[in-house]
Amino acid sequence: MPMQTIEADYVVVGAGAMGMAFADTIITETDATVIIVDRNDQPGGHWLSAYPYVRLHQPSAYYGVNSRTLGTDSIDASGWNEGFYELAGGSEVVSYYDTVMRQHLLPSGRVRYLPMSEFTGTDGDRTGVVRTLGGEDIRVTAATRIVDATYLSVIVPSMRPPAYSIADGVECIPPNGLPRQPVHDEYVIVGAGKTSMDTCLWLLRHGIGSDRITWIKPRDSWLLDRAAVQPGMQFARRVLADFSAQSRAIKKATSVDDLYHQLEAFGCLLRIDQDVEPTMYRCAIVSQHELEKLRTITNVVRKGYVESIEPGRVTLTHGTIDTAPDTLYLDCTGDGIGQRDPVPVFSPGAITLQSVRTCQPAFSAAVIARVETMHADDDTKNHYCQPVPHPTKPIDWLTMTVAFNHNQLVWFTDPDLMQWLNRARLNAVSHMQTDDAEAEKGAAMIAPRLRTANDKLTELLA
């Protein structure tokens, strides 16, 4: 029996945040047809595997897809995010993507969705094979391009076992199971990223004293202040002040190391422990309230990475620690967003989705889709969309800033693209201006600063 073949203008592999944002913009801006292939039973990507108390660390106002608001664009009146725009929880994000698929993409009549299906690879130019849950193979053909939305796949702790050995009798779980656990005498948090911070804050919020929490940090991290990434006109002055502060910090810096201290002095970067030099930067965002709470945890272990856990003892790269008999270990060491080498976004017959703005994958995918609609060759499109690698080390703040500033300066030269950006919900700046004239005036003011900053950052990197 011959293999079934289905065709569309685009075949999007992956229905996570980037795949959904790309498909949404292509469907909205063109009359193209799209096939979306995904291994999960519903859209949402890593959000389907996230821990139940996860929340966005950036405002819901500019997350998701361009065509549909996530949340109610309200400001929290209580809690540790008080005074700032709401942060959608994991279940809300999953429900949102399901609604986008059912109420926008599929009703367009131009999207075919293949859930519970594995894209096994290409078997020719713009052609691939999909294997369904039932074992059927389907050939999918893209008249224009195959879009890889999995290149920067996010890995959360529940998606893979810990990278260290766990002896019998030790209770070590991913954070997904924490809310269903009985109370323990002590809690050991393994990891230093956003997941570990969320887990520490969850415990503190539910009455677990900081003296009962041990936080194993292989590395300390530079953090961003949520006050500086707020949408809305009421926050415009604070956001612009942060941009100006970055410019002054860059101008004043005498070396790469000095730059981080200047950024901290100007309030652009934060750290939990003032006495420890961070060696990690991954765009984690906290409020000042959250920062104060995290600083109450003083039993912090900095002896490298965990190698093994046995009853009453944790062995690390540079030593051991003793623990109480009734200790719950929480593995918060997921890799997060993928750390693959940048490749051209546009290539013959293919698009590889990557960030084109610092730590904004959903916005980036929408921009890439909009640039794809331009009547231009791939070299021109790649000039508009230089990959901005997701950071891991502090020095990456410089490299990603240079890359994004390049993209921003190119976008400023294109009135049509700027008009689209000024109205794009996923673009945080769109929430802080009233019309195109104001946006054009802002771009004219910002562009010289971006060029000056890039010259200085390139000098520091050299």
Protein backbone atom coordinates (compact mmCIF):
# COMPACT_ATOMS: atom_id res chain seq x y z
CA MET A 1 0.00 0.00 0.00
CA PRO A 2 1.57 3.35 -1.02
CA MET A 3 2.46 5.83 1.69
CA GLN A 4 -0.05 8.65 2.16
CA THR A 5 1.30 12.05 1.10
CA ILE A 6 -0.01 15.40 2.33
CA GLU A 7 1.19 18.82 1.26
CA ALA A 8 1.18 22.41 2.53
CA ASP A 9 3.21 25.56 2.01
CA TYR A 10 4.95 25.06 5.37
CA VAL A 11 5.57 22.02 7.55
CA VAL A 12 6.18 23.16 11.14
CA VAL A 13 7.88 20.55 13.32
CA GLY A 14 7.01 21.23 16.96
CA ALA A 15 3.93 22.84 18.54
CA GLY A 16 5.73 24.54 21.42
CA ALA A 17 6.00 28.28 22.00
CA MET A 18 8.13 28.96 18.91
CA GLY A 19 6.24 26.68 16.53
CA MET A 20 2.88 28.11 17.58
CA ALA A 21 4.07 31.73 17.32
CA PHE A 22 5.48 31.09 13.83
CA ALA A 23 2.34 29.34 12.57
CA ASP A 24 0.10 32.05 14.03
CA THR A 25 1.94 34.85 12.24
CA ILE A 26 2.17 33.00 8.92
CA ILE A 27 -1.57 32.25 9.00
CA THR A 28 -2.40 35.83 9.98
CA GLU A 29 -0.09 37.61 7.52
CA THR A 30 -0.49 35.35 4.46
CA ASP A 31 -2.86 32.89 2.82
CA ALA A 32 -0.35 30.05 3.23
CA THR A 33 -1.26 26.54 4.36
CA VAL A 34 0.54 24.84 7.25
CA ILE A 35 1.01 21.32 8.59
CA ILE A 36 1.99 21.22 12.28
CA VAL A 37 3.61 17.99 13.49
CA ASP A 38 4.09 17.38 17.21
CA ARG A 39 4.94 14.41 19.40
CA ASN A 40 2.60 15.50 22.23
CA ASP A 41 -1.15 15.06 22.42
CA GLN A 42 -1.76 18.80 22.55
CA PRO A 43 0.20 21.97 21.78
CA GLY A 44 2.39 23.62 24.41
CA GLY A 45 5.78 21.90 24.18
CA HIS A 46 7.70 21.81 27.46
CA TRP A 47 4.80 23.47 29.30
CA LEU A 48 3.06 20.10 29.23
CA SER A 49 5.86 18.68 31.42
CA ALA A 50 6.39 21.69 33.69
CA TYR A 51 5.94 21.66 37.47
CA PRO A 52 2.48 22.77 38.65
CA TYR A 53 3.58 25.97 40.38
CA VAL A 54 5.61 27.26 37.44
CA ARG A 55 4.84 30.77 36.25
CA LEU A 56 6.20 32.93 33.51
CA HIS A 57 8.99 35.11 34.80
CA GLN A 58 8.12 37.72 32.19
CA PRO A 59 4.70 39.39 31.91
CA SER A 60 1.92 37.42 30.21
CA ALA A 61 1.20 40.58 28.20
CA TYR A 62 3.91 39.70 25.68
CA TYR A 63 4.05 35.91 25.72
CA GLY A 64 2.27 33.40 23.49
CA VAL A 65 1.16 34.26 19.96
CA ASN A 66 0.51 37.63 18.38
CA SER A 67 -3.14 37.11 17.56
CA ARG A 68 -4.46 36.32 21.04
CA THR A 69 -3.95 37.92 24.45
CA LEU A 70 -2.67 35.67 27.22
CA GLY A 71 -4.40 36.54 30.48
CA THR A 72 -6.29 39.77 31.13
CA ASP A 73 -3.46 42.33 30.93
CA SER A 74 -4.03 43.05 34.62
CA ILE A 75 -1.60 44.11 37.34
CA ASP A 76 -1.24 41.90 40.41
CA ALA A 77 -2.62 43.53 43.55
CA SER A 78 -0.96 41.18 46.02
CA GLY A 79 1.82 38.63 46.39
CA TRP A 80 5.49 38.86 45.51
CA ASN A 81 4.65 40.17 42.03
CA GLU A 82 2.49 42.96 43.45
CA GLY A 83 2.38 46.06 41.29
CA PHE A 84 3.53 44.29 38.15
CA TYR A 85 1.72 42.73 35.20
CA GLU A 86 0.36 39.24 35.78
CA LEU A 87 2.48 36.11 35.23
CA ALA A 88 0.56 33.21 33.70
CA GLY A 89 0.83 29.84 35.43
CA GLY A 90 1.68 26.62 33.63
CA SER A 91 -1.87 25.29 33.37
CA GLU A 92 -3.04 28.65 32.02
CA VAL A 93 -0.34 28.60 29.33
CA VAL A 94 -1.24 25.03 28.29
CA SER A 95 -4.94 25.94 28.08
CA TYR A 96 -4.05 29.06 26.09
CA TYR A 97 -2.14 27.14 23.42
CA ASP A 98 -4.96 24.60 23.14
CA THR A 99 -7.39 27.48 22.61
CA VAL A 100 -5.14 29.09 19.98
CA MET A 101 -5.08 25.82 18.07
CA ARG A 102 -8.84 25.13 18.34
CA GLN A 103 -10.18 28.65 17.95
CA HIS A 104 -7.70 30.28 15.58
CA LEU A 105 -5.38 28.00 13.67
CA LEU A 106 -7.68 25.08 12.83
CA PRO A 107 -10.76 27.21 12.06
CA SER A 108 -8.69 29.05 9.43
CA GLY A 109 -9.06 25.95 7.26
CA ARG A 110 -5.40 26.30 6.34
CA VAL A 111 -3.81 24.35 9.20
CA ARG A 112 -3.57 20.59 9.52
CA TYR A 113 -2.46 19.39 12.95
CA LEU A 114 -0.79 15.99 13.50
CA PRO A 115 -0.45 15.41 17.28
CA MET A 116 1.11 12.27 18.76
CA SER A 117 3.28 12.07 15.66
CA GLU A 118 7.04 11.88 15.28
CA PHE A 119 8.85 13.68 12.47
CA THR A 120 11.46 11.05 11.61
CA GLY A 121 13.49 13.23 9.26
CA THR A 122 13.62 14.43 5.70
CA ASP A 123 13.71 12.04 2.78
CA GLY A 124 14.20 14.68 0.12
CA ASP A 125 14.08 18.39 -0.58
CA ARG A 126 11.26 19.93 1.55
CA THR A 127 9.86 16.45 2.18
CA GLY A 128 9.80 14.44 5.39
CA VAL A 129 8.22 11.40 6.96
CA VAL A 130 5.90 11.47 9.97
CA ARG A 131 5.10 8.38 12.03
CA THR A 132 1.78 8.50 13.86
CA LEU A 133 0.99 6.89 17.21
CA GLY A 134 -0.69 4.03 15.37
CA GLY A 135 2.48 3.31 13.41
CA GLU A 136 1.34 4.78 10.10
CA ASP A 137 3.96 6.61 8.05
CA ILE A 138 2.86 9.78 6.26
CA ARG A 139 4.97 11.72 3.79
CA VAL A 140 4.67 15.47 4.34
CA THR A 141 5.79 17.89 1.66
CA ALA A 142 6.35 21.63 2.08
CA ALA A 143 5.93 23.69 -1.05
CA THR A 144 7.97 26.47 0.55
CA ARG A 145 9.90 25.34 3.65
CA ILE A 146 10.14 22.87 6.50
CA VAL A 147 10.28 24.84 9.76
CA ASP A 148 12.27 23.30 12.61
CA ALA A 149 10.74 24.58 15.85
CA THR A 150 12.63 22.00 17.93
CA TYR A 151 16.20 23.21 17.41
CA LEU A 152 16.16 24.96 20.80
CA SER A 153 13.98 22.43 22.61
CA VAL A 154 13.47 23.16 26.30
CA ILE A 155 14.35 20.37 28.76
CA VAL A 156 12.76 20.56 32.22
CA PRO A 157 13.68 18.27 35.15
CA SER A 158 10.70 15.92 34.74
CA MET A 159 11.77 15.11 31.17
CA ARG A 160 14.95 13.25 32.10
CA PRO A 161 16.56 11.52 35.12
CA PRO A 162 19.05 13.39 37.35
CA ALA A 163 22.67 13.49 36.20
CA TYR A 164 23.86 11.98 39.50
CA SER A 165 23.35 8.63 41.23
CA ILE A 166 20.64 8.18 43.85
CA ALA A 167 20.88 5.35 46.39
CA ASP A 168 17.98 3.25 47.57
CA GLY A 169 16.11 4.85 50.42
CA VAL A 170 16.64 8.40 49.13
CA GLU A 171 13.57 10.39 48.12
CA CYS A 172 14.65 12.58 45.20
CA ILE A 173 11.96 13.91 42.89
CA PRO A 174 11.52 16.55 40.18
CA PRO A 175 9.59 19.60 41.40
CA ASN A 176 6.42 18.33 39.67
CA GLY A 177 5.66 16.10 42.66
CA LEU A 178 6.36 18.64 45.41
CA PRO A 179 2.78 19.85 46.02
CA ARG A 180 1.61 16.26 46.62
CA GLN A 181 4.34 15.44 49.15
CA PRO A 182 3.78 15.20 52.90
CA VAL A 183 5.74 17.63 55.04
CA HIS A 184 9.44 16.75 55.52
CA ASP A 185 11.90 17.87 58.17
CA GLU A 186 14.35 19.24 55.60
CA TYR A 187 14.40 20.10 51.92
CA VAL A 188 17.48 20.04 49.68
CA ILE A 189 17.20 21.97 46.42
CA VAL A 190 19.67 20.90 43.73
CA GLY A 191 20.26 23.50 41.02
CA ALA A 192 20.73 27.24 40.68
CA GLY A 193 18.43 28.30 37.83
CA LYS A 194 14.88 29.59 37.60
CA THR A 195 13.36 26.22 38.55
CA SER A 196 15.31 26.12 41.80
CA MET A 197 14.33 29.71 42.60
CA ASP A 198 10.67 28.92 41.95
CA THR A 199 10.93 25.87 44.20
CA CYS A 200 12.58 27.79 47.04
CA LEU A 201 9.92 30.49 46.79
CA TRP A 202 7.11 27.89 46.74
CA LEU A 203 8.41 26.35 49.97
CA LEU A 204 8.79 29.74 51.66
CA ARG A 205 5.35 30.84 50.50
CA HIS A 206 3.80 27.72 52.06
CA GLY A 207 5.34 28.18 55.48
CA ILE A 208 8.55 26.14 55.26
CA GLY A 209 11.14 28.11 57.22
CA SER A 210 14.33 29.07 55.43
CA ASP A 211 16.30 27.20 58.13
CA ARG A 212 14.80 23.94 56.80
CA ILE A 213 16.01 24.55 53.24
CA THR A 214 19.47 23.65 51.92
CA TRP A 215 20.22 25.10 48.50
CA ILE A 216 22.97 23.38 46.50
CA LYS A 217 24.25 25.85 43.91
CA PRO A 218 26.94 24.73 41.50
CA ARG A 219 26.97 28.32 40.23
CA ASP A 220 25.49 31.67 41.19
CA SER A 221 23.55 33.68 38.64
CA TRP A 222 23.14 37.24 37.50
CA LEU A 223 19.44 38.14 37.43
CA LEU A 224 17.18 40.73 35.83
CA ASP A 225 14.80 43.01 37.74
CA ARG A 226 11.19 42.44 36.69
CA ALA A 227 10.49 46.15 37.17
CA ALA A 228 12.62 46.84 34.09
CA VAL A 229 10.72 44.52 31.73
CA GLN A 230 7.15 45.72 32.25
CA PRO A 231 4.82 46.66 29.39
CA GLY A 232 2.38 49.55 29.54
CA MET A 233 2.74 53.31 29.53
CA GLN A 234 2.88 53.52 33.34
CA PHE A 235 6.17 51.61 33.26
CA ALA A 236 7.67 53.32 30.20
CA ARG A 237 9.83 55.69 32.23
CA ARG A 238 11.32 52.82 34.26
CA VAL A 239 12.03 50.74 31.14
CA LEU A 240 13.67 53.68 29.36
CA ALA A 241 15.68 54.43 32.49
CA ASP A 242 16.99 50.85 32.41
CA PHE A 243 18.00 51.24 28.76
CA SER A 244 19.82 54.48 29.57
CA ALA A 245 21.49 52.82 32.55
CA GLN A 246 22.77 50.01 30.33
CA SER A 247 24.20 52.56 27.93
CA ARG A 248 25.98 54.38 30.75
CA ALA A 249 27.30 51.12 32.22
CA ILE A 250 28.69 50.03 28.86
CA LYS A 251 30.30 53.42 28.30
CA LYS A 252 31.89 53.41 31.75
CA ALA A 253 33.15 49.80 31.74
CA THR A 254 36.89 49.25 31.47
CA SER A 255 36.80 45.46 31.01
CA VAL A 256 34.36 42.57 30.65
CA ASP A 257 34.45 41.88 34.39
CA ASP A 258 34.01 45.55 35.19
CA LEU A 259 30.98 45.73 32.91
CA TYR A 260 28.94 43.40 35.14
CA HIS A 261 29.78 45.45 38.21
CA GLN A 262 28.77 48.61 36.35
CA LEU A 263 25.51 46.97 35.25
CA GLU A 264 24.87 45.97 38.85
CA ALA A 265 25.71 49.44 40.13
CA PHE A 266 23.23 50.95 37.68
CA GLY A 267 20.54 48.42 38.67
CA CYS A 268 20.49 46.51 35.38
CA LEU A 269 21.65 43.20 36.89
CA LEU A 270 21.01 41.70 40.32
CA ARG A 271 22.49 38.85 42.35
CA ILE A 272 21.24 37.04 45.42
CA ASP A 273 24.48 36.98 47.38
CA GLN A 274 26.46 40.20 47.21
CA ASP A 275 29.62 38.41 48.32
CA VAL A 276 29.65 35.77 45.58
CA GLU A 277 30.68 36.51 41.99
CA PRO A 278 28.11 34.96 39.62
CA THR A 279 29.39 32.67 36.87
CA MET A 280 26.00 32.07 35.23
CA TYR A 281 23.54 34.25 33.33
CA ARG A 282 20.38 32.76 31.79
CA CYS A 283 17.95 35.69 31.70
CA ALA A 284 16.17 34.68 34.93
CA ILE A 285 13.91 37.48 36.17
CA VAL A 286 12.89 38.23 39.75
CA SER A 287 11.02 40.95 41.59
CA GLN A 288 12.66 42.73 44.48
CA HIS A 289 10.21 40.97 46.83
CA GLU A 290 11.30 37.57 45.50
CA LEU A 291 14.94 38.56 45.79
CA GLU A 292 14.49 39.49 49.44
CA LYS A 293 12.87 36.11 50.16
CA LEU A 294 15.60 34.15 48.36
CA ARG A 295 18.22 35.97 50.43
CA THR A 296 16.68 34.54 53.62
CA ILE A 297 18.00 31.09 52.63
CA THR A 298 21.48 31.10 54.15
CA ASN A 299 22.28 27.39 54.08
CA VAL A 300 23.75 27.53 50.59
CA VAL A 301 26.21 24.84 49.46
CA ARG A 302 28.82 25.79 46.88
CA LYS A 303 30.94 22.67 46.49
CA GLY A 304 30.42 22.02 42.81
CA TYR A 305 27.98 19.62 41.17
CA VAL A 306 26.20 16.76 42.91
CA GLU A 307 27.77 13.38 42.12
CA SER A 308 25.66 11.11 44.32
CA ILE A 309 23.06 11.11 47.06
CA GLU A 310 22.83 8.39 49.71
CA PRO A 311 20.87 8.36 52.98
CA GLY A 312 22.18 11.18 55.13
CA ARG A 313 24.88 12.34 52.73
CA VAL A 314 25.38 14.24 49.48
CA THR A 315 28.69 13.90 47.63
CA LEU A 316 29.68 16.83 45.45
CA THR A 317 32.63 17.63 43.20
CA HIS A 318 34.45 19.39 46.02
CA GLY A 319 33.23 17.75 49.20
CA THR A 320 30.25 16.27 51.04
CA ILE A 321 27.41 17.46 53.23
CA ASP A 322 25.38 15.60 55.82
CA THR A 323 21.59 15.70 55.74
CA ALA A 324 18.73 14.78 58.09
CA PRO A 325 17.06 11.36 57.86
CA ASP A 326 13.74 12.85 56.73
CA THR A 327 15.00 14.94 53.83
CA LEU A 328 13.25 15.51 50.51
CA TYR A 329 15.63 16.17 47.63
CA LEU A 330 14.30 18.24 44.73
CA ASP A 331 16.13 17.90 41.43
CA CYS A 332 15.88 21.29 39.69
CA THR A 333 18.73 20.75 37.24
CA GLY A 334 16.94 20.79 33.87
CA ASP A 335 18.91 22.17 30.94
CA GLY A 336 16.26 24.76 30.10
CA ILE A 337 16.32 26.16 26.58
CA GLY A 338 18.64 24.42 24.14
CA GLN A 339 22.28 25.45 23.88
CA ARG A 340 22.99 24.54 20.27
CA ASP A 341 25.34 26.45 18.00
CA PRO A 342 23.69 29.20 15.95
CA VAL A 343 22.92 28.34 12.34
CA PRO A 344 21.38 30.47 9.58
CA VAL A 345 17.67 30.92 10.24
CA PHE A 346 16.80 30.82 6.54
CA SER A 347 18.25 28.24 4.16
CA PRO A 348 16.97 26.66 0.94
CA GLY A 349 13.72 24.89 1.74
CA ALA A 350 14.13 25.28 5.51
CA ILE A 351 13.76 27.62 8.47
CA THR A 352 15.49 26.89 11.78
CA LEU A 353 13.74 28.87 14.49
CA GLN A 354 16.08 30.60 16.94
CA SER A 355 15.96 33.69 19.12
CA VAL A 356 16.52 36.97 17.30
CA ARG A 357 15.92 39.06 20.41
CA THR A 358 17.54 38.40 23.77
CA CYS A 359 15.65 35.68 25.65
CA GLN A 360 12.39 36.18 23.71
CA PRO A 361 11.77 32.94 21.76
CA ALA A 362 8.05 33.44 21.09
CA PHE A 363 8.53 37.00 19.83
CA SER A 364 11.52 35.83 17.78
CA ALA A 365 9.52 33.13 16.01
CA ALA A 366 6.82 35.65 15.12
CA VAL A 367 9.42 38.07 13.72
CA ILE A 368 11.00 35.29 11.66
CA ALA A 369 7.57 34.47 10.22
CA ARG A 370 7.01 38.13 9.37
CA VAL A 371 10.43 38.40 7.71
CA GLU A 372 9.64 35.23 5.76
CA THR A 373 6.74 37.10 4.14
CA MET A 374 9.14 39.68 2.67
CA HIS A 375 10.03 39.53 -1.01
CA ALA A 376 13.74 39.04 -0.40
CA ASP A 377 16.40 36.38 -0.76
CA ASP A 378 17.70 34.29 2.13
CA ASP A 379 20.84 36.37 2.58
CA THR A 380 18.71 39.47 3.15
CA LYS A 381 16.36 37.64 5.50
CA ASN A 382 19.29 36.28 7.50
CA HIS A 383 20.64 39.83 7.73
CA TYR A 384 17.35 40.76 9.44
CA CYS A 385 17.42 37.71 11.69
CA GLN A 386 20.88 37.08 13.08
CA PRO A 387 20.58 34.36 15.77
CA VAL A 388 20.90 35.62 19.33
CA PRO A 389 22.19 32.61 21.31
CA HIS A 390 20.55 31.99 24.65
CA PRO A 391 23.09 32.90 27.36
CA THR A 392 24.69 30.58 29.88
CA LYS A 393 27.78 32.50 31.07
CA PRO A 394 28.03 36.17 32.08
CA ILE A 395 30.07 37.01 28.97
CA ASP A 396 27.07 35.97 26.90
CA TRP A 397 25.35 39.19 28.01
CA LEU A 398 27.79 40.99 25.71
CA THR A 399 27.56 38.65 22.73
CA MET A 400 23.78 38.45 22.75
CA THR A 401 23.45 42.23 23.18
CA VAL A 402 25.69 42.82 20.17
CA ALA A 403 23.66 40.34 18.07
CA PHE A 404 20.29 41.77 19.04
CA ASN A 405 21.42 45.37 18.63
CA HIS A 406 22.46 44.43 15.09
CA ASN A 407 18.99 43.05 14.37
CA GLN A 408 17.26 46.03 15.92
CA LEU A 409 19.29 48.46 13.83
CA VAL A 410 18.38 46.56 10.65
CA TRP A 411 14.69 46.57 11.61
CA PHE A 412 14.82 50.33 12.15
CA THR A 413 15.66 50.77 8.45
CA ASP A 414 12.50 48.99 7.25
CA PRO A 415 9.33 51.10 7.65
CA ASP A 416 6.98 48.22 6.81
CA LEU A 417 8.55 45.90 9.36
CA MET A 418 8.61 48.67 11.97
CA GLN A 419 4.91 49.31 11.42
CA TRP A 420 4.25 45.62 12.08
CA LEU A 421 6.51 45.59 15.15
CA ASN A 422 4.77 48.66 16.56
CA ARG A 423 1.52 46.69 16.61
CA ALA A 424 2.86 43.27 17.55
CA ARG A 425 1.52 42.13 20.92
CA LEU A 426 4.63 40.01 21.52
CA ASN A 427 6.83 43.09 21.19
CA ALA A 428 7.09 44.64 24.65
CA VAL A 429 7.85 48.04 23.13
CA SER A 430 4.48 48.03 21.34
CA HIS A 431 2.77 48.40 24.73
CA MET A 432 4.59 51.66 25.44
CA GLN A 433 3.85 53.86 22.42
CA THR A 434 0.75 55.39 20.92
CA ASP A 435 1.43 55.74 17.19
CA ASP A 436 3.94 55.20 14.39
CA ALA A 437 5.28 58.74 14.60
CA GLU A 438 6.16 58.27 18.26
CA ALA A 439 7.77 54.91 17.46
CA GLU A 440 9.81 56.45 14.65
CA LYS A 441 10.98 59.21 16.97
CA GLY A 442 11.98 56.62 19.58
CA ALA A 443 13.92 54.56 17.03
CA ALA A 444 15.80 57.65 15.86
CA MET A 445 16.79 58.38 19.45
CA ILE A 446 17.80 54.81 20.28
CA ALA A 447 19.72 53.87 17.12
CA PRO A 448 22.87 55.96 17.82
CA ARG A 449 23.06 54.51 21.33
CA LEU A 450 22.84 50.97 19.97
CA ARG A 451 25.70 51.63 17.55
CA THR A 452 27.83 53.18 20.28
CA ALA A 453 27.08 50.29 22.62
CA ASN A 454 27.99 47.71 19.98
CA ASP A 455 31.29 49.45 19.23
CA LYS A 456 32.22 49.42 22.91
CA LEU A 457 31.02 45.85 23.54
CA THR A 458 32.96 44.59 20.52
CA GLU A 459 36.03 46.35 21.88
CA LEU A 460 35.57 44.73 25.30
CA LEU A 461 35.06 41.29 23.74
CA ALA A 462 38.26 41.70 21.75
